[in-house]
Amino acid sequence: MKSIIELQVLRGLAVLMVVFGHVHQAQERFMGPALLGDMAYIGFAGVDVFFVISGFIIHHLYRQADGPDAGYFLKRINRIYPLYWVYTLAALGGYMVLGDALNRDGDTVNWLNSVTLFPTGNLPMLSVGWTLTHELYFYAVYGLVLFLPGRLRLPALAAWGALTLVFLFLGRSGWPAWAALMLSPFNLLFLAGIALAEGFKWAERLKWIALGMTLAGLALGAWFTGTFGLQGFAQVGVRVTVFAPLSVGIVWALLAFKPRLPAIAARLGDWSYSTYLSHILVLGVLARLAAPVLTSLPLTGVLAYVLLIAAALVYGAVSFYLIEKPLLKLGRGVIGKLTGR
């Protein structure tokens, strides 16, 4: 299915958006006024895009499954944890040397969440890991749904979405972190990806609606971040409502239009997980080192974006080939022995 190529491109785009947002933070912290202002925080909508992609991919792979594959849960664990632990250790080293991270202090670390990704209400040591908690929860829910007869799976997922919508309006104030995760508004983004995969032929025929949704979502997201800045992301329900048109629209439009793109676009998707986990560390170190030089040059803001984004992507590529791929191969071998496949 050619859409898998577009999905790789989308993964690369989603991570590039997040890197873009964190470069803005690095500029503000180490180089004075940032080039683009708070509107650059729209890059953090890349997380929302990735949740939609995840829903699409998992449903595309398993919608016809007779039941959960023997290695379903092990494969998801292998995909998430080994590389995450590598960069959690790297983050620990960064805290020991620098005393803080790009966007927070080291004394806010929660060790339970940092190691297991169990929801505690605190950020893990590797701050981007909070998104992986939502990913793992979605994988778990979908895996449990696979135990149901085929005719009941979509209704069960729809019921999960309906409950999420109900509590989106009722609020989740005072809930423990694990309960808030179960009915998080982010669930709706995974479900949107599932809906796109389920109705893919229908979605292809309505590609111009997807383009309009993307453009409208881009305008809404730019206005929202330009107006409210990073504080606008504090309320998850508001965040998902604002960025859903953009995140769903981008995925829908790219899958439907299937534009011809250079091969490097798909490679960015290959490197996306390594880039995502490592870019905070890369930016945190490089911005500190480069700030004295860049601030003495003309076009500081432009040079900062070019240098920091390029460095994050190059390191992500190196990490993919030298760390991520060997770890995945090792994990697959172990899973093969455990499952007999």
C-alpha atoms as a PDB file:
ATOM      1  CA  MET A   1       0.000   0.000   0.000  1.00  0.00           C
ATOM      2  CA  LYS A   2       1.567   3.246  -1.128  1.00  0.00           C
ATOM      3  CA  SER A   3       0.101   5.053   1.868  1.00  0.00           C
ATOM      4  CA  ILE A   4       2.838   3.475   4.008  1.00  0.00           C
ATOM      5  CA  ILE A   5       5.364   5.691   2.209  1.00  0.00           C
ATOM      6  CA  GLU A   6       3.262   8.745   2.966  1.00  0.00           C
ATOM      7  CA  LEU A   7       3.016   7.611   6.584  1.00  0.00           C
ATOM      8  CA  GLN A   8       6.808   7.572   6.800  1.00  0.00           C
ATOM      9  CA  VAL A   9       6.837  11.113   5.400  1.00  0.00           C
ATOM     10  CA  LEU A  10       4.199  12.139   7.933  1.00  0.00           C
ATOM     11  CA  ARG A  11       6.218  10.721  10.815  1.00  0.00           C
ATOM     12  CA  GLY A  12       9.191  12.766   9.707  1.00  0.00           C
ATOM     13  CA  LEU A  13       7.032  15.876   9.360  1.00  0.00           C
ATOM     14  CA  ALA A  14       5.491  15.408  12.802  1.00  0.00           C
ATOM     15  CA  VAL A  15       8.883  15.126  14.481  1.00  0.00           C
ATOM     16  CA  LEU A  16      10.249  18.048  12.480  1.00  0.00           C
ATOM     17  CA  MET A  17       7.357  20.162  13.768  1.00  0.00           C
ATOM     18  CA  VAL A  18       8.212  19.283  17.377  1.00  0.00           C
ATOM     19  CA  VAL A  19      11.899  20.053  16.796  1.00  0.00           C
ATOM     20  CA  PHE A  20      10.825  23.398  15.332  1.00  0.00           C
ATOM     21  CA  GLY A  21       8.921  24.240  18.521  1.00  0.00           C
ATOM     22  CA  HIS A  22      11.831  23.311  20.754  1.00  0.00           C
ATOM     23  CA  VAL A  23      14.267  25.336  18.642  1.00  0.00           C
ATOM     24  CA  HIS A  24      12.042  28.316  19.405  1.00  0.00           C
ATOM     25  CA  GLN A  25      12.406  27.550  23.123  1.00  0.00           C
ATOM     26  CA  ALA A  26      16.181  27.248  22.756  1.00  0.00           C
ATOM     27  CA  GLN A  27      16.377  30.612  21.007  1.00  0.00           C
ATOM     28  CA  GLU A  28      14.341  32.339  23.693  1.00  0.00           C
ATOM     29  CA  ARG A  29      16.380  30.871  26.507  1.00  0.00           C
ATOM     30  CA  PHE A  30      19.913  31.193  25.164  1.00  0.00           C
ATOM     31  CA  MET A  31      19.837  33.770  22.348  1.00  0.00           C
ATOM     32  CA  GLY A  32      17.374  36.471  23.304  1.00  0.00           C
ATOM     33  CA  PRO A  33      14.126  37.247  21.441  1.00  0.00           C
ATOM     34  CA  ALA A  34      13.212  34.369  19.126  1.00  0.00           C
ATOM     35  CA  LEU A  35      12.845  34.817  15.393  1.00  0.00           C
ATOM     36  CA  LEU A  36       9.174  33.915  14.989  1.00  0.00           C
ATOM     37  CA  GLY A  37       7.563  34.700  18.322  1.00  0.00           C
ATOM     38  CA  ASP A  38       5.129  32.438  20.141  1.00  0.00           C
ATOM     39  CA  MET A  39       3.478  31.416  16.883  1.00  0.00           C
ATOM     40  CA  ALA A  40       6.375  28.959  16.516  1.00  0.00           C
ATOM     41  CA  TYR A  41       4.826  26.856  19.273  1.00  0.00           C
ATOM     42  CA  ILE A  42       2.468  25.506  16.628  1.00  0.00           C
ATOM     43  CA  GLY A  43       5.287  23.037  16.047  1.00  0.00           C
ATOM     44  CA  PHE A  44       4.190  21.178  19.163  1.00  0.00           C
ATOM     45  CA  ALA A  45       1.076  20.140  17.239  1.00  0.00           C
ATOM     46  CA  GLY A  46       3.430  17.592  15.689  1.00  0.00           C
ATOM     47  CA  VAL A  47       2.650  15.429  18.739  1.00  0.00           C
ATOM     48  CA  ASP A  48      -1.049  15.537  17.812  1.00  0.00           C
ATOM     49  CA  VAL A  49      -0.167  14.619  14.223  1.00  0.00           C
ATOM     50  CA  PHE A  50       1.833  11.648  15.453  1.00  0.00           C
ATOM     51  CA  PHE A  51      -1.078  10.368  17.550  1.00  0.00           C
ATOM     52  CA  VAL A  52      -3.292  10.399  14.453  1.00  0.00           C
ATOM     53  CA  ILE A  53      -0.593   8.550  12.498  1.00  0.00           C
ATOM     54  CA  SER A  54      -0.305   5.925  15.246  1.00  0.00           C
ATOM     55  CA  GLY A  55      -4.033   5.255  15.159  1.00  0.00           C
ATOM     56  CA  PHE A  56      -3.915   4.857  11.383  1.00  0.00           C
ATOM     57  CA  ILE A  57      -0.910   2.534  11.367  1.00  0.00           C
ATOM     58  CA  ILE A  58      -2.113   0.194  14.109  1.00  0.00           C
ATOM     59  CA  HIS A  59      -5.589  -0.152  12.619  1.00  0.00           C
ATOM     60  CA  HIS A  60      -4.177  -0.623   9.134  1.00  0.00           C
ATOM     61  CA  LEU A  61      -1.966  -3.451  10.394  1.00  0.00           C
ATOM     62  CA  TYR A  62      -4.461  -5.225  12.658  1.00  0.00           C
ATOM     63  CA  ARG A  63      -8.002  -4.429  11.488  1.00  0.00           C
ATOM     64  CA  GLN A  64      -8.332  -7.856   9.813  1.00  0.00           C
ATOM     65  CA  ALA A  65      -6.569  -9.775  12.576  1.00  0.00           C
ATOM     66  CA  ASP A  66      -8.385 -12.815  13.986  1.00  0.00           C
ATOM     67  CA  GLY A  67      -7.176 -11.855  17.422  1.00  0.00           C
ATOM     68  CA  PRO A  68      -4.146 -10.292  19.084  1.00  0.00           C
ATOM     69  CA  ASP A  69      -0.913 -11.536  17.562  1.00  0.00           C
ATOM     70  CA  ALA A  70       1.219 -13.548  19.969  1.00  0.00           C
ATOM     71  CA  GLY A  71       3.868 -10.878  19.743  1.00  0.00           C
ATOM     72  CA  TYR A  72       1.598  -7.810  19.565  1.00  0.00           C
ATOM     73  CA  PHE A  73       2.380  -6.454  23.015  1.00  0.00           C
ATOM     74  CA  LEU A  74       6.025  -7.532  22.897  1.00  0.00           C
ATOM     75  CA  LYS A  75       6.504  -5.759  19.558  1.00  0.00           C
ATOM     76  CA  ARG A  76       5.055  -2.547  20.959  1.00  0.00           C
ATOM     77  CA  ILE A  77       7.305  -2.777  24.025  1.00  0.00           C
ATOM     78  CA  ASN A  78      10.338  -3.404  21.815  1.00  0.00           C
ATOM     79  CA  ARG A  79       9.450  -0.376  19.693  1.00  0.00           C
ATOM     80  CA  ILE A  80       9.132   2.008  22.622  1.00  0.00           C
ATOM     81  CA  TYR A  81      11.303   1.079  25.586  1.00  0.00           C
ATOM     82  CA  PRO A  82      14.886   0.110  24.596  1.00  0.00           C
ATOM     83  CA  LEU A  83      15.742   3.338  22.788  1.00  0.00           C
ATOM     84  CA  TYR A  84      13.764   5.358  25.323  1.00  0.00           C
ATOM     85  CA  TRP A  85      15.904   3.917  28.135  1.00  0.00           C
ATOM     86  CA  VAL A  86      19.089   4.774  26.220  1.00  0.00           C
ATOM     87  CA  TYR A  87      18.111   8.429  26.025  1.00  0.00           C
ATOM     88  CA  THR A  88      16.758   8.493  29.551  1.00  0.00           C
ATOM     89  CA  LEU A  89      20.265   7.528  30.675  1.00  0.00           C
ATOM     90  CA  ALA A  90      21.663  10.230  28.414  1.00  0.00           C
ATOM     91  CA  ALA A  91      19.264  12.729  29.976  1.00  0.00           C
ATOM     92  CA  LEU A  92      20.435  11.650  33.436  1.00  0.00           C
ATOM     93  CA  GLY A  93      23.984  12.431  32.356  1.00  0.00           C
ATOM     94  CA  GLY A  94      22.832  15.798  31.077  1.00  0.00           C
ATOM     95  CA  TYR A  95      21.194  16.651  34.378  1.00  0.00           C
ATOM     96  CA  MET A  96      24.326  15.653  36.276  1.00  0.00           C
ATOM     97  CA  VAL A  97      26.508  17.885  34.084  1.00  0.00           C
ATOM     98  CA  LEU A  98      24.207  20.821  33.339  1.00  0.00           C
ATOM     99  CA  GLY A  99      21.812  20.708  36.295  1.00  0.00           C
ATOM    100  CA  ASP A 100      18.720  21.204  34.130  1.00  0.00           C
ATOM    101  CA  ALA A 101      17.242  20.523  30.693  1.00  0.00           C
ATOM    102  CA  LEU A 102      16.243  22.732  27.802  1.00  0.00           C
ATOM    103  CA  ASN A 103      12.830  23.548  29.240  1.00  0.00           C
ATOM    104  CA  ARG A 104      12.737  22.595  32.947  1.00  0.00           C
ATOM    105  CA  ASP A 105      14.769  21.985  36.088  1.00  0.00           C
ATOM    106  CA  GLY A 106      16.087  18.610  37.139  1.00  0.00           C
ATOM    107  CA  ASP A 107      14.380  18.642  40.543  1.00  0.00           C
ATOM    108  CA  THR A 108      10.973  18.009  38.919  1.00  0.00           C
ATOM    109  CA  VAL A 109      11.925  14.484  37.799  1.00  0.00           C
ATOM    110  CA  ASN A 110       9.722  11.549  38.783  1.00  0.00           C
ATOM    111  CA  TRP A 111      11.663   8.298  38.757  1.00  0.00           C
ATOM    112  CA  LEU A 112       8.692   5.924  38.457  1.00  0.00           C
ATOM    113  CA  ASN A 113       7.465   7.689  35.361  1.00  0.00           C
ATOM    114  CA  SER A 114      10.992   8.150  34.023  1.00  0.00           C
ATOM    115  CA  VAL A 115      11.719   4.427  33.983  1.00  0.00           C
ATOM    116  CA  THR A 116       8.319   2.814  33.358  1.00  0.00           C
ATOM    117  CA  LEU A 117       6.321   5.639  31.683  1.00  0.00           C
ATOM    118  CA  PHE A 118       3.555   4.905  34.178  1.00  0.00           C
ATOM    119  CA  PRO A 119       1.326   7.998  34.488  1.00  0.00           C
ATOM    120  CA  THR A 120       2.104   9.934  37.660  1.00  0.00           C
ATOM    121  CA  GLY A 121       1.142  13.471  36.699  1.00  0.00           C
ATOM    122  CA  ASN A 122       4.812  14.454  36.421  1.00  0.00           C
ATOM    123  CA  LEU A 123       7.129  14.648  33.443  1.00  0.00           C
ATOM    124  CA  PRO A 124       9.688  11.863  33.066  1.00  0.00           C
ATOM    125  CA  MET A 125      13.377  12.677  33.073  1.00  0.00           C
ATOM    126  CA  LEU A 126      13.354  12.635  29.268  1.00  0.00           C
ATOM    127  CA  SER A 127      10.556  15.168  29.044  1.00  0.00           C
ATOM    128  CA  VAL A 128       9.229  14.116  25.625  1.00  0.00           C
ATOM    129  CA  GLY A 129       8.481  10.711  27.161  1.00  0.00           C
ATOM    130  CA  TRP A 130       5.073  11.921  28.349  1.00  0.00           C
ATOM    131  CA  THR A 131       3.760  11.316  24.838  1.00  0.00           C
ATOM    132  CA  LEU A 132       4.959   7.709  24.975  1.00  0.00           C
ATOM    133  CA  THR A 133       2.716   7.124  27.986  1.00  0.00           C
ATOM    134  CA  HIS A 134      -0.249   7.956  25.753  1.00  0.00           C
ATOM    135  CA  GLU A 135       1.148   5.792  22.944  1.00  0.00           C
ATOM    136  CA  LEU A 136       1.533   2.792  25.233  1.00  0.00           C
ATOM    137  CA  TYR A 137      -1.955   3.249  26.625  1.00  0.00           C
ATOM    138  CA  PHE A 138      -3.406   3.327  23.117  1.00  0.00           C
ATOM    139  CA  TYR A 139      -1.479   0.184  22.187  1.00  0.00           C
ATOM    140  CA  ALA A 140      -2.844  -1.537  25.304  1.00  0.00           C
ATOM    141  CA  VAL A 141      -6.450  -0.543  24.604  1.00  0.00           C
ATOM    142  CA  TYR A 142      -6.264  -1.592  20.969  1.00  0.00           C
ATOM    143  CA  GLY A 143      -4.635  -4.888  21.923  1.00  0.00           C
ATOM    144  CA  LEU A 144      -7.452  -5.629  24.373  1.00  0.00           C
ATOM    145  CA  VAL A 145     -10.053  -4.744  21.736  1.00  0.00           C
ATOM    146  CA  LEU A 146      -8.499  -7.359  19.446  1.00  0.00           C
ATOM    147  CA  PHE A 147      -9.736 -10.041  21.846  1.00  0.00           C
ATOM    148  CA  LEU A 148     -13.302  -9.119  20.873  1.00  0.00           C
ATOM    149  CA  PRO A 149     -15.107 -10.604  17.870  1.00  0.00           C
ATOM    150  CA  GLY A 150     -14.495  -8.533  14.738  1.00  0.00           C
ATOM    151  CA  ARG A 151     -18.025  -7.111  14.633  1.00  0.00           C
ATOM    152  CA  LEU A 152     -17.675  -5.677  18.154  1.00  0.00           C
ATOM    153  CA  ARG A 153     -14.304  -3.980  17.805  1.00  0.00           C
ATOM    154  CA  LEU A 154     -15.341  -0.732  16.149  1.00  0.00           C
ATOM    155  CA  PRO A 155     -18.344  -0.315  18.489  1.00  0.00           C
ATOM    156  CA  ALA A 156     -16.017  -0.831  21.464  1.00  0.00           C
ATOM    157  CA  LEU A 157     -13.596   1.792  20.153  1.00  0.00           C
ATOM    158  CA  ALA A 158     -16.515   4.134  19.454  1.00  0.00           C
ATOM    159  CA  ALA A 159     -17.731   3.671  23.029  1.00  0.00           C
ATOM    160  CA  TRP A 160     -14.234   4.569  24.295  1.00  0.00           C
ATOM    161  CA  GLY A 161     -14.375   7.720  22.173  1.00  0.00           C
ATOM    162  CA  ALA A 162     -17.884   8.585  23.384  1.00  0.00           C
ATOM    163  CA  LEU A 163     -16.833   8.281  27.023  1.00  0.00           C
ATOM    164  CA  THR A 164     -13.811  10.444  26.302  1.00  0.00           C
ATOM    165  CA  LEU A 165     -16.068  13.096  24.772  1.00  0.00           C
ATOM    166  CA  VAL A 166     -18.412  13.010  27.744  1.00  0.00           C
ATOM    167  CA  PHE A 167     -15.591  13.602  30.194  1.00  0.00           C
ATOM    168  CA  LEU A 168     -14.039  16.197  27.901  1.00  0.00           C
ATOM    169  CA  PHE A 169     -17.061  18.366  28.649  1.00  0.00           C
ATOM    170  CA  LEU A 170     -17.568  17.283  32.258  1.00  0.00           C
ATOM    171  CA  GLY A 171     -13.915  17.801  33.140  1.00  0.00           C
ATOM    172  CA  ARG A 172     -11.436  15.568  34.983  1.00  0.00           C
ATOM    173  CA  SER A 173     -10.486  17.864  37.845  1.00  0.00           C
ATOM    174  CA  GLY A 174      -9.001  16.033  40.800  1.00  0.00           C
ATOM    175  CA  TRP A 175      -8.634  12.705  39.014  1.00  0.00           C
ATOM    176  CA  PRO A 176      -5.513  10.614  39.639  1.00  0.00           C
ATOM    177  CA  ALA A 177      -3.117  10.601  36.699  1.00  0.00           C
ATOM    178  CA  TRP A 178      -3.936   7.036  35.605  1.00  0.00           C
ATOM    179  CA  ALA A 179      -7.670   7.809  35.470  1.00  0.00           C
ATOM    180  CA  ALA A 180      -7.083  11.024  33.526  1.00  0.00           C
ATOM    181  CA  LEU A 181      -5.024   9.014  31.038  1.00  0.00           C
ATOM    182  CA  MET A 182      -7.833   6.516  30.468  1.00  0.00           C
ATOM    183  CA  LEU A 183     -10.182   9.209  29.186  1.00  0.00           C
ATOM    184  CA  SER A 184      -7.642  11.748  27.941  1.00  0.00           C
ATOM    185  CA  PRO A 185      -8.752  13.951  25.024  1.00  0.00           C
ATOM    186  CA  PHE A 186      -5.653  12.698  23.196  1.00  0.00           C
ATOM    187  CA  ASN A 187      -7.536   9.405  22.749  1.00  0.00           C
ATOM    188  CA  LEU A 188      -9.689  11.169  20.172  1.00  0.00           C
ATOM    189  CA  LEU A 189      -6.655  11.716  17.945  1.00  0.00           C
ATOM    190  CA  PHE A 190      -5.797   8.014  17.929  1.00  0.00           C
ATOM    191  CA  LEU A 191      -9.441   7.288  17.116  1.00  0.00           C
ATOM    192  CA  ALA A 192      -9.339   9.806  14.266  1.00  0.00           C
ATOM    193  CA  GLY A 193      -6.437   7.860  12.789  1.00  0.00           C
ATOM    194  CA  ILE A 194      -8.426   4.641  13.140  1.00  0.00           C
ATOM    195  CA  ALA A 195     -11.372   6.280  11.375  1.00  0.00           C
ATOM    196  CA  LEU A 196      -9.132   7.352   8.487  1.00  0.00           C
ATOM    197  CA  ALA A 197      -7.769   3.825   8.129  1.00  0.00           C
ATOM    198  CA  GLU A 198     -11.228   2.287   8.305  1.00  0.00           C
ATOM    199  CA  GLY A 199     -12.698   4.626   5.695  1.00  0.00           C
ATOM    200  CA  PHE A 200      -9.582   5.134   3.597  1.00  0.00           C
ATOM    201  CA  LYS A 201     -11.295   4.765   0.191  1.00  0.00           C
ATOM    202  CA  TRP A 202     -13.957   7.244   1.244  1.00  0.00           C
ATOM    203  CA  ALA A 203     -11.306   9.615   2.615  1.00  0.00           C
ATOM    204  CA  GLU A 204      -9.395   9.556  -0.681  1.00  0.00           C
ATOM    205  CA  ARG A 205     -12.453  10.782  -2.584  1.00  0.00           C
ATOM    206  CA  LEU A 206     -12.831  13.769  -0.244  1.00  0.00           C
ATOM    207  CA  LYS A 207      -9.242  14.954  -0.428  1.00  0.00           C
ATOM    208  CA  TRP A 208     -10.165  18.579  -1.122  1.00  0.00           C
ATOM    209  CA  ILE A 209     -12.015  18.692   2.178  1.00  0.00           C
ATOM    210  CA  ALA A 210      -8.819  17.413   3.788  1.00  0.00           C
ATOM    211  CA  LEU A 211      -6.835  20.231   2.192  1.00  0.00           C
ATOM    212  CA  GLY A 212      -9.346  22.819   3.376  1.00  0.00           C
ATOM    213  CA  MET A 213      -9.273  21.354   6.883  1.00  0.00           C
ATOM    214  CA  THR A 214      -5.471  21.520   6.921  1.00  0.00           C
ATOM    215  CA  LEU A 215      -5.367  25.166   5.845  1.00  0.00           C
ATOM    216  CA  ALA A 216      -8.106  26.177   8.279  1.00  0.00           C
ATOM    217  CA  GLY A 217      -6.376  24.223  11.050  1.00  0.00           C
ATOM    218  CA  LEU A 218      -3.069  25.909  10.264  1.00  0.00           C
ATOM    219  CA  ALA A 219      -4.673  29.344  10.524  1.00  0.00           C
ATOM    220  CA  LEU A 220      -6.446  28.431  13.774  1.00  0.00           C
ATOM    221  CA  GLY A 221      -3.306  26.923  15.293  1.00  0.00           C
ATOM    222  CA  ALA A 222      -1.146  29.902  14.310  1.00  0.00           C
ATOM    223  CA  TRP A 223      -3.652  32.337  15.818  1.00  0.00           C
ATOM    224  CA  PHE A 224      -3.984  30.261  18.994  1.00  0.00           C
ATOM    225  CA  THR A 225      -0.265  29.901  19.658  1.00  0.00           C
ATOM    226  CA  GLY A 226       0.454  33.485  18.649  1.00  0.00           C
ATOM    227  CA  THR A 227      -2.198  34.668  21.096  1.00  0.00           C
ATOM    228  CA  PHE A 228      -1.747  32.337  24.062  1.00  0.00           C
ATOM    229  CA  GLY A 229       1.806  31.043  23.636  1.00  0.00           C
ATOM    230  CA  LEU A 230       2.907  27.973  25.547  1.00  0.00           C
ATOM    231  CA  GLN A 231       0.217  28.510  28.175  1.00  0.00           C
ATOM    232  CA  GLY A 232      -2.377  27.617  25.577  1.00  0.00           C
ATOM    233  CA  PHE A 233      -1.215  23.994  25.770  1.00  0.00           C
ATOM    234  CA  ALA A 234      -1.952  23.672  29.490  1.00  0.00           C
ATOM    235  CA  GLN A 235      -5.577  22.575  29.012  1.00  0.00           C
ATOM    236  CA  VAL A 236      -5.465  19.304  27.093  1.00  0.00           C
ATOM    237  CA  GLY A 237      -9.095  19.500  25.987  1.00  0.00           C
ATOM    238  CA  VAL A 238      -8.581  22.950  24.509  1.00  0.00           C
ATOM    239  CA  ARG A 239      -5.331  21.882  22.871  1.00  0.00           C
ATOM    240  CA  VAL A 240      -6.884  18.852  21.177  1.00  0.00           C
ATOM    241  CA  THR A 241      -9.893  20.875  20.027  1.00  0.00           C
ATOM    242  CA  VAL A 242      -7.690  23.574  18.507  1.00  0.00           C
ATOM    243  CA  PHE A 243      -5.157  21.312  16.816  1.00  0.00           C
ATOM    244  CA  ALA A 244      -7.430  18.446  15.726  1.00  0.00           C
ATOM    245  CA  PRO A 245      -8.312  20.092  12.375  1.00  0.00           C
ATOM    246  CA  LEU A 246      -4.629  20.613  11.585  1.00  0.00           C
ATOM    247  CA  SER A 247      -3.398  17.207  12.781  1.00  0.00           C
ATOM    248  CA  VAL A 248      -6.199  15.189  11.186  1.00  0.00           C
ATOM    249  CA  GLY A 249      -6.146  17.352   8.060  1.00  0.00           C
ATOM    250  CA  ILE A 250      -2.411  16.924   7.454  1.00  0.00           C
ATOM    251  CA  VAL A 251      -2.599  13.142   7.736  1.00  0.00           C
ATOM    252  CA  TRP A 252      -5.750  12.914   5.652  1.00  0.00           C
ATOM    253  CA  ALA A 253      -4.478  15.270   2.930  1.00  0.00           C
ATOM    254  CA  LEU A 254      -1.062  13.681   2.488  1.00  0.00           C
ATOM    255  CA  LEU A 255      -2.504  10.176   2.371  1.00  0.00           C
ATOM    256  CA  ALA A 256      -5.168  11.243  -0.117  1.00  0.00           C
ATOM    257  CA  PHE A 257      -3.076  13.410  -2.465  1.00  0.00           C
ATOM    258  CA  LYS A 258       0.047  11.185  -2.393  1.00  0.00           C
ATOM    259  CA  PRO A 259       2.384  13.970  -3.573  1.00  0.00           C
ATOM    260  CA  ARG A 260       5.709  13.124  -5.153  1.00  0.00           C
ATOM    261  CA  LEU A 261       8.371  13.902  -2.581  1.00  0.00           C
ATOM    262  CA  PRO A 262      12.159  13.419  -2.514  1.00  0.00           C
ATOM    263  CA  ALA A 263      13.435  10.202  -0.967  1.00  0.00           C
ATOM    264  CA  ILE A 264      14.923  12.126   1.962  1.00  0.00           C
ATOM    265  CA  ALA A 265      11.379  12.863   3.155  1.00  0.00           C
ATOM    266  CA  ALA A 266      10.787   9.156   3.819  1.00  0.00           C
ATOM    267  CA  ARG A 267      14.219   8.821   5.428  1.00  0.00           C
ATOM    268  CA  LEU A 268      13.234  11.503   7.933  1.00  0.00           C
ATOM    269  CA  GLY A 269      10.404   9.165   8.875  1.00  0.00           C
ATOM    270  CA  ASP A 270      12.861   6.319   9.399  1.00  0.00           C
ATOM    271  CA  TRP A 271      14.872   8.510  11.730  1.00  0.00           C
ATOM    272  CA  SER A 272      11.838  10.041  13.434  1.00  0.00           C
ATOM    273  CA  TYR A 273      11.846   8.093  16.706  1.00  0.00           C
ATOM    274  CA  SER A 274      15.569   8.550  17.249  1.00  0.00           C
ATOM    275  CA  THR A 275      15.253  12.228  16.384  1.00  0.00           C
ATOM    276  CA  TYR A 276      12.282  12.655  18.684  1.00  0.00           C
ATOM    277  CA  LEU A 277      13.954  11.095  21.716  1.00  0.00           C
ATOM    278  CA  SER A 278      17.333  12.754  21.226  1.00  0.00           C
ATOM    279  CA  HIS A 279      16.550  16.237  19.936  1.00  0.00           C
ATOM    280  CA  ILE A 280      15.949  17.828  23.348  1.00  0.00           C
ATOM    281  CA  LEU A 281      19.419  16.697  24.419  1.00  0.00           C
ATOM    282  CA  VAL A 282      21.033  17.808  21.162  1.00  0.00           C
ATOM    283  CA  LEU A 283      19.381  21.228  21.263  1.00  0.00           C
ATOM    284  CA  GLY A 284      20.069  21.713  24.963  1.00  0.00           C
ATOM    285  CA  VAL A 285      23.808  21.168  24.502  1.00  0.00           C
ATOM    286  CA  LEU A 286      24.305  22.804  21.098  1.00  0.00           C
ATOM    287  CA  ALA A 287      22.281  25.925  21.891  1.00  0.00           C
ATOM    288  CA  ARG A 288      24.437  26.561  24.952  1.00  0.00           C
ATOM    289  CA  LEU A 289      27.640  26.109  22.951  1.00  0.00           C
ATOM    290  CA  ALA A 290      26.550  28.038  19.864  1.00  0.00           C
ATOM    291  CA  ALA A 291      24.807  30.965  21.547  1.00  0.00           C
ATOM    292  CA  PRO A 292      27.950  33.129  22.114  1.00  0.00           C
ATOM    293  CA  VAL A 293      28.895  32.788  18.440  1.00  0.00           C
ATOM    294  CA  LEU A 294      25.443  33.069  16.884  1.00  0.00           C
ATOM    295  CA  THR A 295      24.410  36.122  18.889  1.00  0.00           C
ATOM    296  CA  SER A 296      27.434  37.994  17.532  1.00  0.00           C
ATOM    297  CA  LEU A 297      26.444  37.333  13.909  1.00  0.00           C
ATOM    298  CA  PRO A 298      23.782  38.910  11.693  1.00  0.00           C
ATOM    299  CA  LEU A 299      20.611  36.865  11.095  1.00  0.00           C
ATOM    300  CA  THR A 300      21.030  35.107  14.427  1.00  0.00           C
ATOM    301  CA  GLY A 301      17.504  33.714  14.389  1.00  0.00           C
ATOM    302  CA  VAL A 302      17.761  32.266  10.896  1.00  0.00           C
ATOM    303  CA  LEU A 303      21.157  30.731  11.576  1.00  0.00           C
ATOM    304  CA  ALA A 304      19.897  29.230  14.823  1.00  0.00           C
ATOM    305  CA  TYR A 305      16.987  27.489  13.109  1.00  0.00           C
ATOM    306  CA  VAL A 306      19.186  26.126  10.343  1.00  0.00           C
ATOM    307  CA  LEU A 307      21.985  24.949  12.643  1.00  0.00           C
ATOM    308  CA  LEU A 308      19.841  23.469  15.413  1.00  0.00           C
ATOM    309  CA  ILE A 309      17.329  21.705  13.164  1.00  0.00           C
ATOM    310  CA  ALA A 310      20.098  20.307  10.968  1.00  0.00           C
ATOM    311  CA  ALA A 311      22.014  19.061  13.997  1.00  0.00           C
ATOM    312  CA  ALA A 312      18.926  17.360  15.457  1.00  0.00           C
ATOM    313  CA  LEU A 313      18.199  15.591  12.162  1.00  0.00           C
ATOM    314  CA  VAL A 314      21.784  14.522  11.527  1.00  0.00           C
ATOM    315  CA  TYR A 315      22.119  13.138  15.022  1.00  0.00           C
ATOM    316  CA  GLY A 316      18.741  11.410  14.655  1.00  0.00           C
ATOM    317  CA  ALA A 317      20.024   9.662  11.517  1.00  0.00           C
ATOM    318  CA  VAL A 318      23.207   8.545  13.264  1.00  0.00           C
ATOM    319  CA  SER A 319      21.199   7.295  16.230  1.00  0.00           C
ATOM    320  CA  PHE A 320      18.831   5.361  13.969  1.00  0.00           C
ATOM    321  CA  TYR A 321      21.582   3.450  12.192  1.00  0.00           C
ATOM    322  CA  LEU A 322      23.974   2.939  15.098  1.00  0.00           C
ATOM    323  CA  ILE A 323      21.633   2.523  18.079  1.00  0.00           C
ATOM    324  CA  GLU A 324      17.958   2.118  17.173  1.00  0.00           C
ATOM    325  CA  LYS A 325      18.248  -0.465  14.380  1.00  0.00           C
ATOM    326  CA  PRO A 326      20.581  -2.774  16.316  1.00  0.00           C
ATOM    327  CA  LEU A 327      18.337  -2.560  19.384  1.00  0.00           C
ATOM    328  CA  LEU A 328      15.230  -3.336  17.320  1.00  0.00           C
ATOM    329  CA  LYS A 329      16.960  -6.283  15.675  1.00  0.00           C
ATOM    330  CA  LEU A 330      18.061  -7.631  19.031  1.00  0.00           C
ATOM    331  CA  GLY A 331      14.557  -7.237  20.435  1.00  0.00           C
ATOM    332  CA  ARG A 332      12.963  -8.953  17.438  1.00  0.00           C
ATOM    333  CA  GLY A 333      15.296 -11.887  17.911  1.00  0.00           C
ATOM    334  CA  VAL A 334      14.240 -12.234  21.537  1.00  0.00           C
ATOM    335  CA  ILE A 335      10.552 -11.948  20.601  1.00  0.00           C
ATOM    336  CA  GLY A 336      11.003 -14.546  17.888  1.00  0.00           C
ATOM    337  CA  LYS A 337      12.435 -17.007  20.400  1.00  0.00           C
ATOM    338  CA  LEU A 338       9.657 -16.306  22.928  1.00  0.00           C
ATOM    339  CA  THR A 339       6.832 -16.638  20.407  1.00  0.00           C
ATOM    340  CA  GLY A 340       8.356 -19.277  18.147  1.00  0.00           C
ATOM    341  CA  ARG A 341       8.218 -16.964  15.116  1.00  0.00           C
END
